[in-house]
């Protein structure tokens, strides 16, 4: 049976201007940084797709464009039939986006934030309360529902960010480095939940530089180096002859030698 393409990235490009200080730090005379360079890939409905690459490869910039936080210089992304360039507001209704850089207002509580973002997404009160009770219990947030974010542990803040990002129960979920900075217990809780979401038929896009995370979760993986997609295939195909780590470094050394 042919798989349904739910997300299609076509020839995506993004550049940033560099200040003199940034030029010096990056040891370059160029005034422009090419973050994403004609990147294309597809994700199928109900799969976990991994973007694997070193820091600075363009993964985060790509996910920010997918999530409509920044506009591409050229190219487009079609998510469930909707363009991120032409109809970003409709895309936001279809996706959930979580990044370790998401900073919750520290004065508010998890309970308040869940209600606030539910209202933004137009979630009905009864649905909101049922969903909040289920997710708060799932992540142990219920014991801290009225504690200000400022007084939560790093792991609990990340869990709160997760549930707040998914208040509207989106079918397409985008995670940028989902386990970055987390202790091993919280990281396992998050990865277990990703597997549960996939079992529910959700489509998940994950960016990471952690090989074990890709091997544990992903159906397919795209290796991104210097803003370009160097290879995109099933995890099984990529690891048929050698480990994912060995395959990655083989590709990385070939690319570095160009």
C-alpha atoms as a PDB file:
ATOM      1  CA  UNK A   1       0.000   0.000   0.000  1.00  0.00           C
ATOM      2  CA  UNK A   2       1.341   3.419  -0.976  1.00  0.00           C
ATOM      3  CA  UNK A   3       2.162   5.636   1.980  1.00  0.00           C
ATOM      4  CA  UNK A   4       0.490   9.025   2.371  1.00  0.00           C
ATOM      5  CA  UNK A   5       2.825  12.026   2.233  1.00  0.00           C
ATOM      6  CA  UNK A   6       1.729  14.351   5.033  1.00  0.00           C
ATOM      7  CA  UNK A   7       4.670  16.779   4.900  1.00  0.00           C
ATOM      8  CA  UNK A   8       6.619  17.759   1.794  1.00  0.00           C
ATOM      9  CA  UNK A   9       9.688  20.027   1.936  1.00  0.00           C
ATOM     10  CA  UNK A  10      10.646  21.407  -1.473  1.00  0.00           C
ATOM     11  CA  UNK A  11      13.922  23.151  -2.267  1.00  0.00           C
ATOM     12  CA  UNK A  12      14.018  25.027   1.036  1.00  0.00           C
ATOM     13  CA  UNK A  13      16.631  27.787   1.408  1.00  0.00           C
ATOM     14  CA  UNK A  14      17.486  30.178   4.240  1.00  0.00           C
ATOM     15  CA  UNK A  15      20.393  32.586   4.715  1.00  0.00           C
ATOM     16  CA  UNK A  16      21.273  34.968   7.530  1.00  0.00           C
ATOM     17  CA  UNK A  17      23.362  38.128   7.509  1.00  0.00           C
ATOM     18  CA  UNK A  18      26.456  37.969   9.699  1.00  0.00           C
ATOM     19  CA  UNK A  19      27.655  40.837  11.842  1.00  0.00           C
ATOM     20  CA  UNK A  20      31.368  41.622  11.977  1.00  0.00           C
ATOM     21  CA  UNK A  21      31.524  39.924  15.364  1.00  0.00           C
ATOM     22  CA  UNK A  22      29.848  36.790  13.977  1.00  0.00           C
ATOM     23  CA  UNK A  23      32.229  36.807  10.999  1.00  0.00           C
ATOM     24  CA  UNK A  24      35.159  36.885  13.385  1.00  0.00           C
ATOM     25  CA  UNK A  25      33.754  34.091  15.576  1.00  0.00           C
ATOM     26  CA  UNK A  26      33.081  31.895  12.536  1.00  0.00           C
ATOM     27  CA  UNK A  27      36.419  32.863  10.959  1.00  0.00           C
ATOM     28  CA  UNK A  28      34.854  33.876   7.665  1.00  0.00           C
ATOM     29  CA  UNK A  29      34.934  36.926   5.400  1.00  0.00           C
ATOM     30  CA  UNK A  30      31.452  36.141   4.093  1.00  0.00           C
ATOM     31  CA  UNK A  31      28.703  38.495   5.187  1.00  0.00           C
ATOM     32  CA  UNK A  32      26.078  35.780   4.712  1.00  0.00           C
ATOM     33  CA  UNK A  33      25.582  32.419   6.392  1.00  0.00           C
ATOM     34  CA  UNK A  34      23.813  29.753   4.328  1.00  0.00           C
ATOM     35  CA  UNK A  35      21.853  27.860   6.967  1.00  0.00           C
ATOM     36  CA  UNK A  36      19.639  25.718   4.726  1.00  0.00           C
ATOM     37  CA  UNK A  37      20.677  24.991   1.156  1.00  0.00           C
ATOM     38  CA  UNK A  38      17.999  23.663  -1.250  1.00  0.00           C
ATOM     39  CA  UNK A  39      16.722  21.091   1.251  1.00  0.00           C
ATOM     40  CA  UNK A  40      14.001  18.639   0.213  1.00  0.00           C
ATOM     41  CA  UNK A  41      12.391  15.625   1.901  1.00  0.00           C
ATOM     42  CA  UNK A  42       9.026  14.022   2.629  1.00  0.00           C
ATOM     43  CA  UNK A  43       7.448  12.611   5.768  1.00  0.00           C
ATOM     44  CA  UNK A  44       4.698  10.015   5.706  1.00  0.00           C
ATOM     45  CA  UNK A  45       1.554   9.936   7.793  1.00  0.00           C
ATOM     46  CA  UNK A  46       2.024   7.977  11.022  1.00  0.00           C
ATOM     47  CA  UNK A  47       5.828   7.793  10.994  1.00  0.00           C
ATOM     48  CA  UNK A  48       8.667   9.283  13.001  1.00  0.00           C
ATOM     49  CA  UNK A  49      11.107  11.032  10.693  1.00  0.00           C
ATOM     50  CA  UNK A  50      14.509  12.014  12.077  1.00  0.00           C
ATOM     51  CA  UNK A  51      16.709  14.883  10.942  1.00  0.00           C
ATOM     52  CA  UNK A  52      20.198  13.872  12.031  1.00  0.00           C
ATOM     53  CA  UNK A  53      23.195  16.158  11.863  1.00  0.00           C
ATOM     54  CA  UNK A  54      25.920  17.953  13.816  1.00  0.00           C
ATOM     55  CA  UNK A  55      25.350  21.252  15.588  1.00  0.00           C
ATOM     56  CA  UNK A  56      25.106  24.042  13.032  1.00  0.00           C
ATOM     57  CA  UNK A  57      23.928  21.727  10.246  1.00  0.00           C
ATOM     58  CA  UNK A  58      20.691  23.659   9.713  1.00  0.00           C
ATOM     59  CA  UNK A  59      18.287  21.338  11.547  1.00  0.00           C
ATOM     60  CA  UNK A  60      16.833  23.965  13.878  1.00  0.00           C
ATOM     61  CA  UNK A  61      16.473  26.526  11.090  1.00  0.00           C
ATOM     62  CA  UNK A  62      14.639  23.918   9.023  1.00  0.00           C
ATOM     63  CA  UNK A  63      12.217  23.108  11.821  1.00  0.00           C
ATOM     64  CA  UNK A  64      11.585  26.791  12.484  1.00  0.00           C
ATOM     65  CA  UNK A  65      10.571  27.195   8.852  1.00  0.00           C
ATOM     66  CA  UNK A  66       8.359  24.103   9.054  1.00  0.00           C
ATOM     67  CA  UNK A  67       6.735  25.631  12.126  1.00  0.00           C
ATOM     68  CA  UNK A  68       6.203  29.052  10.464  1.00  0.00           C
ATOM     69  CA  UNK A  69       8.425  30.832  13.002  1.00  0.00           C
ATOM     70  CA  UNK A  70      10.637  32.121  10.189  1.00  0.00           C
ATOM     71  CA  UNK A  71       9.996  32.425   6.457  1.00  0.00           C
ATOM     72  CA  UNK A  72      12.189  30.662   3.920  1.00  0.00           C
ATOM     73  CA  UNK A  73      14.111  32.755   1.399  1.00  0.00           C
ATOM     74  CA  UNK A  74      12.813  30.362  -1.239  1.00  0.00           C
ATOM     75  CA  UNK A  75      11.154  26.998  -1.490  1.00  0.00           C
ATOM     76  CA  UNK A  76       8.084  25.861   0.425  1.00  0.00           C
ATOM     77  CA  UNK A  77       6.719  23.269   2.818  1.00  0.00           C
ATOM     78  CA  UNK A  78       3.293  21.691   2.355  1.00  0.00           C
ATOM     79  CA  UNK A  79       1.888  20.288   5.585  1.00  0.00           C
ATOM     80  CA  UNK A  80      -1.323  18.280   5.235  1.00  0.00           C
ATOM     81  CA  UNK A  81      -2.104  20.195   2.036  1.00  0.00           C
ATOM     82  CA  UNK A  82      -1.315  23.657   3.434  1.00  0.00           C
ATOM     83  CA  UNK A  83       1.638  25.908   2.509  1.00  0.00           C
ATOM     84  CA  UNK A  84       3.786  27.383   5.281  1.00  0.00           C
ATOM     85  CA  UNK A  85       4.530  30.329   2.983  1.00  0.00           C
ATOM     86  CA  UNK A  86       1.000  31.118   1.816  1.00  0.00           C
ATOM     87  CA  UNK A  87      -1.134  29.958   4.751  1.00  0.00           C
ATOM     88  CA  UNK A  88       1.024  29.935   7.914  1.00  0.00           C
ATOM     89  CA  UNK A  89      -1.954  30.523  10.225  1.00  0.00           C
ATOM     90  CA  UNK A  90      -3.614  27.316   8.990  1.00  0.00           C
ATOM     91  CA  UNK A  91      -0.382  25.371   9.384  1.00  0.00           C
ATOM     92  CA  UNK A  92      -0.210  26.415  13.050  1.00  0.00           C
ATOM     93  CA  UNK A  93      -3.592  24.793  13.648  1.00  0.00           C
ATOM     94  CA  UNK A  94      -2.264  21.483  12.340  1.00  0.00           C
ATOM     95  CA  UNK A  95       1.087  21.253  14.133  1.00  0.00           C
ATOM     96  CA  UNK A  96       2.631  21.219  17.566  1.00  0.00           C
ATOM     97  CA  UNK A  97       6.186  22.534  17.937  1.00  0.00           C
ATOM     98  CA  UNK A  98       8.481  21.934  20.871  1.00  0.00           C
ATOM     99  CA  UNK A  99      12.001  23.232  21.267  1.00  0.00           C
ATOM    100  CA  UNK A 100      14.337  23.272  24.256  1.00  0.00           C
ATOM    101  CA  UNK A 101      14.558  27.036  23.658  1.00  0.00           C
ATOM    102  CA  UNK A 102      10.864  27.499  24.477  1.00  0.00           C
ATOM    103  CA  UNK A 103      10.820  29.701  27.556  1.00  0.00           C
ATOM    104  CA  UNK A 104       7.652  29.667  29.627  1.00  0.00           C
ATOM    105  CA  UNK A 105       6.728  32.786  31.568  1.00  0.00           C
ATOM    106  CA  UNK A 106       8.056  31.999  35.042  1.00  0.00           C
ATOM    107  CA  UNK A 107       5.343  33.898  36.899  1.00  0.00           C
ATOM    108  CA  UNK A 108       2.597  31.540  35.696  1.00  0.00           C
ATOM    109  CA  UNK A 109       1.698  27.994  36.723  1.00  0.00           C
ATOM    110  CA  UNK A 110       1.341  24.893  34.505  1.00  0.00           C
ATOM    111  CA  UNK A 111      -2.404  24.982  35.143  1.00  0.00           C
ATOM    112  CA  UNK A 112      -2.730  28.582  33.949  1.00  0.00           C
ATOM    113  CA  UNK A 113      -0.484  28.051  30.919  1.00  0.00           C
ATOM    114  CA  UNK A 114      -2.401  24.979  29.767  1.00  0.00           C
ATOM    115  CA  UNK A 115      -5.682  26.898  29.972  1.00  0.00           C
ATOM    116  CA  UNK A 116      -4.203  29.967  28.276  1.00  0.00           C
ATOM    117  CA  UNK A 117      -2.835  28.070  25.271  1.00  0.00           C
ATOM    118  CA  UNK A 118      -5.983  25.951  25.047  1.00  0.00           C
ATOM    119  CA  UNK A 119      -7.999  29.152  24.720  1.00  0.00           C
ATOM    120  CA  UNK A 120      -5.636  30.393  22.001  1.00  0.00           C
ATOM    121  CA  UNK A 121      -6.298  27.213  20.035  1.00  0.00           C
ATOM    122  CA  UNK A 122     -10.050  27.312  20.650  1.00  0.00           C
ATOM    123  CA  UNK A 123     -10.175  24.083  22.655  1.00  0.00           C
ATOM    124  CA  UNK A 124     -13.583  23.549  24.256  1.00  0.00           C
ATOM    125  CA  UNK A 125     -13.538  23.798  28.095  1.00  0.00           C
ATOM    126  CA  UNK A 126     -14.701  20.216  28.680  1.00  0.00           C
ATOM    127  CA  UNK A 127     -12.155  18.825  26.209  1.00  0.00           C
ATOM    128  CA  UNK A 128      -9.466  21.030  27.762  1.00  0.00           C
ATOM    129  CA  UNK A 129     -10.129  19.743  31.282  1.00  0.00           C
ATOM    130  CA  UNK A 130     -10.180  16.101  30.213  1.00  0.00           C
ATOM    131  CA  UNK A 131      -7.001  16.503  28.184  1.00  0.00           C
ATOM    132  CA  UNK A 132      -5.236  18.434  30.952  1.00  0.00           C
ATOM    133  CA  UNK A 133      -6.102  15.832  33.597  1.00  0.00           C
ATOM    134  CA  UNK A 134      -4.827  13.019  31.380  1.00  0.00           C
ATOM    135  CA  UNK A 135      -1.578  14.715  30.332  1.00  0.00           C
ATOM    136  CA  UNK A 136      -0.782  16.177  33.746  1.00  0.00           C
ATOM    137  CA  UNK A 137      -1.147  12.726  35.294  1.00  0.00           C
ATOM    138  CA  UNK A 138       0.893  11.120  32.484  1.00  0.00           C
ATOM    139  CA  UNK A 139       3.864  13.423  33.183  1.00  0.00           C
ATOM    140  CA  UNK A 140       3.446  13.926  36.917  1.00  0.00           C
ATOM    141  CA  UNK A 141       2.616  17.590  36.481  1.00  0.00           C
ATOM    142  CA  UNK A 142      -0.601  17.260  38.506  1.00  0.00           C
ATOM    143  CA  UNK A 143       1.395  17.528  41.741  1.00  0.00           C
ATOM    144  CA  UNK A 144       2.900  20.821  40.551  1.00  0.00           C
ATOM    145  CA  UNK A 145      -0.089  22.292  38.702  1.00  0.00           C
ATOM    146  CA  UNK A 146      -0.210  25.402  40.900  1.00  0.00           C
ATOM    147  CA  UNK A 147       3.553  25.863  41.312  1.00  0.00           C
ATOM    148  CA  UNK A 148       5.033  28.804  39.428  1.00  0.00           C
ATOM    149  CA  UNK A 149       7.281  27.824  36.527  1.00  0.00           C
ATOM    150  CA  UNK A 150      10.159  29.658  38.214  1.00  0.00           C
ATOM    151  CA  UNK A 151      10.074  27.092  41.015  1.00  0.00           C
ATOM    152  CA  UNK A 152       9.898  23.981  38.838  1.00  0.00           C
ATOM    153  CA  UNK A 153      12.842  21.694  38.095  1.00  0.00           C
ATOM    154  CA  UNK A 154      14.369  21.727  34.605  1.00  0.00           C
ATOM    155  CA  UNK A 155      12.728  18.406  33.807  1.00  0.00           C
ATOM    156  CA  UNK A 156       9.304  19.558  34.993  1.00  0.00           C
ATOM    157  CA  UNK A 157       9.630  22.752  32.949  1.00  0.00           C
ATOM    158  CA  UNK A 158      10.351  20.634  29.865  1.00  0.00           C
ATOM    159  CA  UNK A 159       7.372  18.399  30.573  1.00  0.00           C
ATOM    160  CA  UNK A 160       5.168  21.467  30.986  1.00  0.00           C
ATOM    161  CA  UNK A 161       6.468  22.850  27.688  1.00  0.00           C
ATOM    162  CA  UNK A 162       5.598  19.548  26.057  1.00  0.00           C
ATOM    163  CA  UNK A 163       1.990  19.411  27.202  1.00  0.00           C
ATOM    164  CA  UNK A 164       1.457  23.116  26.503  1.00  0.00           C
ATOM    165  CA  UNK A 165       2.689  22.566  22.933  1.00  0.00           C
ATOM    166  CA  UNK A 166       0.157  19.769  22.440  1.00  0.00           C
ATOM    167  CA  UNK A 167      -2.954  21.300  24.022  1.00  0.00           C
ATOM    168  CA  UNK A 168      -4.798  21.170  20.672  1.00  0.00           C
ATOM    169  CA  UNK A 169      -3.931  17.500  20.028  1.00  0.00           C
ATOM    170  CA  UNK A 170      -2.217  18.107  16.650  1.00  0.00           C
ATOM    171  CA  UNK A 171      -1.701  15.328  14.112  1.00  0.00           C
ATOM    172  CA  UNK A 172       1.759  16.597  13.112  1.00  0.00           C
ATOM    173  CA  UNK A 173       4.310  17.175  15.862  1.00  0.00           C
ATOM    174  CA  UNK A 174       7.714  18.792  15.410  1.00  0.00           C
ATOM    175  CA  UNK A 175      10.399  18.386  18.068  1.00  0.00           C
ATOM    176  CA  UNK A 176      13.749  20.159  18.004  1.00  0.00           C
ATOM    177  CA  UNK A 177      16.288  18.250  20.127  1.00  0.00           C
ATOM    178  CA  UNK A 178      13.550  16.802  22.397  1.00  0.00           C
ATOM    179  CA  UNK A 179      15.933  15.388  25.012  1.00  0.00           C
ATOM    180  CA  UNK A 180      18.474  18.225  25.035  1.00  0.00           C
ATOM    181  CA  UNK A 181      19.523  19.123  28.583  1.00  0.00           C
ATOM    182  CA  UNK A 182      17.261  16.574  30.239  1.00  0.00           C
ATOM    183  CA  UNK A 183      18.237  14.051  32.888  1.00  0.00           C
ATOM    184  CA  UNK A 184      18.016  10.409  31.830  1.00  0.00           C
ATOM    185  CA  UNK A 185      14.675   9.795  33.581  1.00  0.00           C
ATOM    186  CA  UNK A 186      12.916  12.775  31.992  1.00  0.00           C
ATOM    187  CA  UNK A 187      14.521  12.037  28.609  1.00  0.00           C
ATOM    188  CA  UNK A 188      13.155   8.483  28.731  1.00  0.00           C
ATOM    189  CA  UNK A 189       9.706   9.802  29.655  1.00  0.00           C
ATOM    190  CA  UNK A 190       9.744  12.085  26.613  1.00  0.00           C
ATOM    191  CA  UNK A 191      10.964   9.418  24.177  1.00  0.00           C
ATOM    192  CA  UNK A 192       8.414   6.921  25.486  1.00  0.00           C
ATOM    193  CA  UNK A 193       5.711   9.504  24.854  1.00  0.00           C
ATOM    194  CA  UNK A 194       6.918  10.031  21.278  1.00  0.00           C
ATOM    195  CA  UNK A 195       6.476   6.303  20.686  1.00  0.00           C
ATOM    196  CA  UNK A 196       2.958   6.514  22.145  1.00  0.00           C
ATOM    197  CA  UNK A 197       2.092   9.410  19.829  1.00  0.00           C
ATOM    198  CA  UNK A 198       3.261   7.403  16.828  1.00  0.00           C
ATOM    199  CA  UNK A 199       1.083   4.482  17.959  1.00  0.00           C
ATOM    200  CA  UNK A 200      -1.860   6.915  17.910  1.00  0.00           C
ATOM    201  CA  UNK A 201      -1.148   7.635  14.242  1.00  0.00           C
ATOM    202  CA  UNK A 202       0.589  10.977  14.724  1.00  0.00           C
ATOM    203  CA  UNK A 203       3.353  12.105  12.380  1.00  0.00           C
ATOM    204  CA  UNK A 204       6.475  13.233  14.211  1.00  0.00           C
ATOM    205  CA  UNK A 205       9.493  15.135  12.919  1.00  0.00           C
ATOM    206  CA  UNK A 206      12.478  15.008  15.266  1.00  0.00           C
ATOM    207  CA  UNK A 207      15.811  16.785  14.904  1.00  0.00           C
ATOM    208  CA  UNK A 208      18.739  15.480  16.911  1.00  0.00           C
ATOM    209  CA  UNK A 209      22.439  14.717  16.942  1.00  0.00           C
ATOM    210  CA  UNK A 210      21.954  11.669  19.171  1.00  0.00           C
ATOM    211  CA  UNK A 211      22.311   8.372  17.283  1.00  0.00           C
ATOM    212  CA  UNK A 212      20.624   6.227  19.925  1.00  0.00           C
ATOM    213  CA  UNK A 213      17.503   8.393  19.838  1.00  0.00           C
ATOM    214  CA  UNK A 214      17.190   7.946  16.065  1.00  0.00           C
ATOM    215  CA  UNK A 215      17.814   4.201  16.307  1.00  0.00           C
ATOM    216  CA  UNK A 216      15.201   3.783  19.013  1.00  0.00           C
ATOM    217  CA  UNK A 217      12.429   5.895  17.495  1.00  0.00           C
ATOM    218  CA  UNK A 218      12.742   6.726  13.823  1.00  0.00           C
ATOM    219  CA  UNK A 219      11.311   4.919  10.816  1.00  0.00           C
ATOM    220  CA  UNK A 220      13.293   7.031   8.364  1.00  0.00           C
ATOM    221  CA  UNK A 221      16.140   9.478   8.722  1.00  0.00           C
ATOM    222  CA  UNK A 222      17.622  12.323   6.722  1.00  0.00           C
ATOM    223  CA  UNK A 223      21.257  13.231   7.346  1.00  0.00           C
ATOM    224  CA  UNK A 224      21.785  16.992   7.079  1.00  0.00           C
ATOM    225  CA  UNK A 225      25.276  18.466   6.745  1.00  0.00           C
ATOM    226  CA  UNK A 226      26.019  22.109   5.923  1.00  0.00           C
ATOM    227  CA  UNK A 227      22.351  22.778   5.291  1.00  0.00           C
ATOM    228  CA  UNK A 228      22.029  20.060   2.656  1.00  0.00           C
ATOM    229  CA  UNK A 229      20.284  16.699   2.691  1.00  0.00           C
ATOM    230  CA  UNK A 230      23.095  14.243   2.008  1.00  0.00           C
ATOM    231  CA  UNK A 231      21.058  11.055   2.318  1.00  0.00           C
ATOM    232  CA  UNK A 232      17.456  10.198   3.175  1.00  0.00           C
ATOM    233  CA  UNK A 233      16.297   6.617   3.662  1.00  0.00           C
ATOM    234  CA  UNK A 234      14.761   4.129   6.035  1.00  0.00           C
ATOM    235  CA  UNK A 235      16.728   3.432   9.176  1.00  0.00           C
ATOM    236  CA  UNK A 236      16.838  -0.224   8.166  1.00  0.00           C
ATOM    237  CA  UNK A 237      18.458   0.600   4.817  1.00  0.00           C
ATOM    238  CA  UNK A 238      20.987   2.979   6.344  1.00  0.00           C
ATOM    239  CA  UNK A 239      22.088   0.465   8.971  1.00  0.00           C
ATOM    240  CA  UNK A 240      22.061  -2.641   6.758  1.00  0.00           C
ATOM    241  CA  UNK A 241      25.848  -2.861   6.512  1.00  0.00           C
ATOM    242  CA  UNK A 242      27.090  -0.774   9.435  1.00  0.00           C
ATOM    243  CA  UNK A 243      25.880   1.131  12.474  1.00  0.00           C
ATOM    244  CA  UNK A 244      24.119   4.462  12.059  1.00  0.00           C
ATOM    245  CA  UNK A 245      27.049   6.200  13.743  1.00  0.00           C
ATOM    246  CA  UNK A 246      29.574   4.637  11.351  1.00  0.00           C
ATOM    247  CA  UNK A 247      27.345   5.446   8.369  1.00  0.00           C
ATOM    248  CA  UNK A 248      26.986   9.043   9.510  1.00  0.00           C
ATOM    249  CA  UNK A 249      30.717   9.593   9.886  1.00  0.00           C
ATOM    250  CA  UNK A 250      31.378   7.962   6.533  1.00  0.00           C
ATOM    251  CA  UNK A 251      28.999  10.460   4.903  1.00  0.00           C
ATOM    252  CA  UNK A 252      30.341  13.323   7.004  1.00  0.00           C
ATOM    253  CA  UNK A 253      33.950  12.670   5.985  1.00  0.00           C
ATOM    254  CA  UNK A 254      32.955  12.374   2.320  1.00  0.00           C
ATOM    255  CA  UNK A 255      31.103  15.695   2.554  1.00  0.00           C
ATOM    256  CA  UNK A 256      33.927  17.402   4.447  1.00  0.00           C
ATOM    257  CA  UNK A 257      36.328  16.310   1.759  1.00  0.00           C
ATOM    258  CA  UNK A 258      34.333  17.979  -1.042  1.00  0.00           C
END
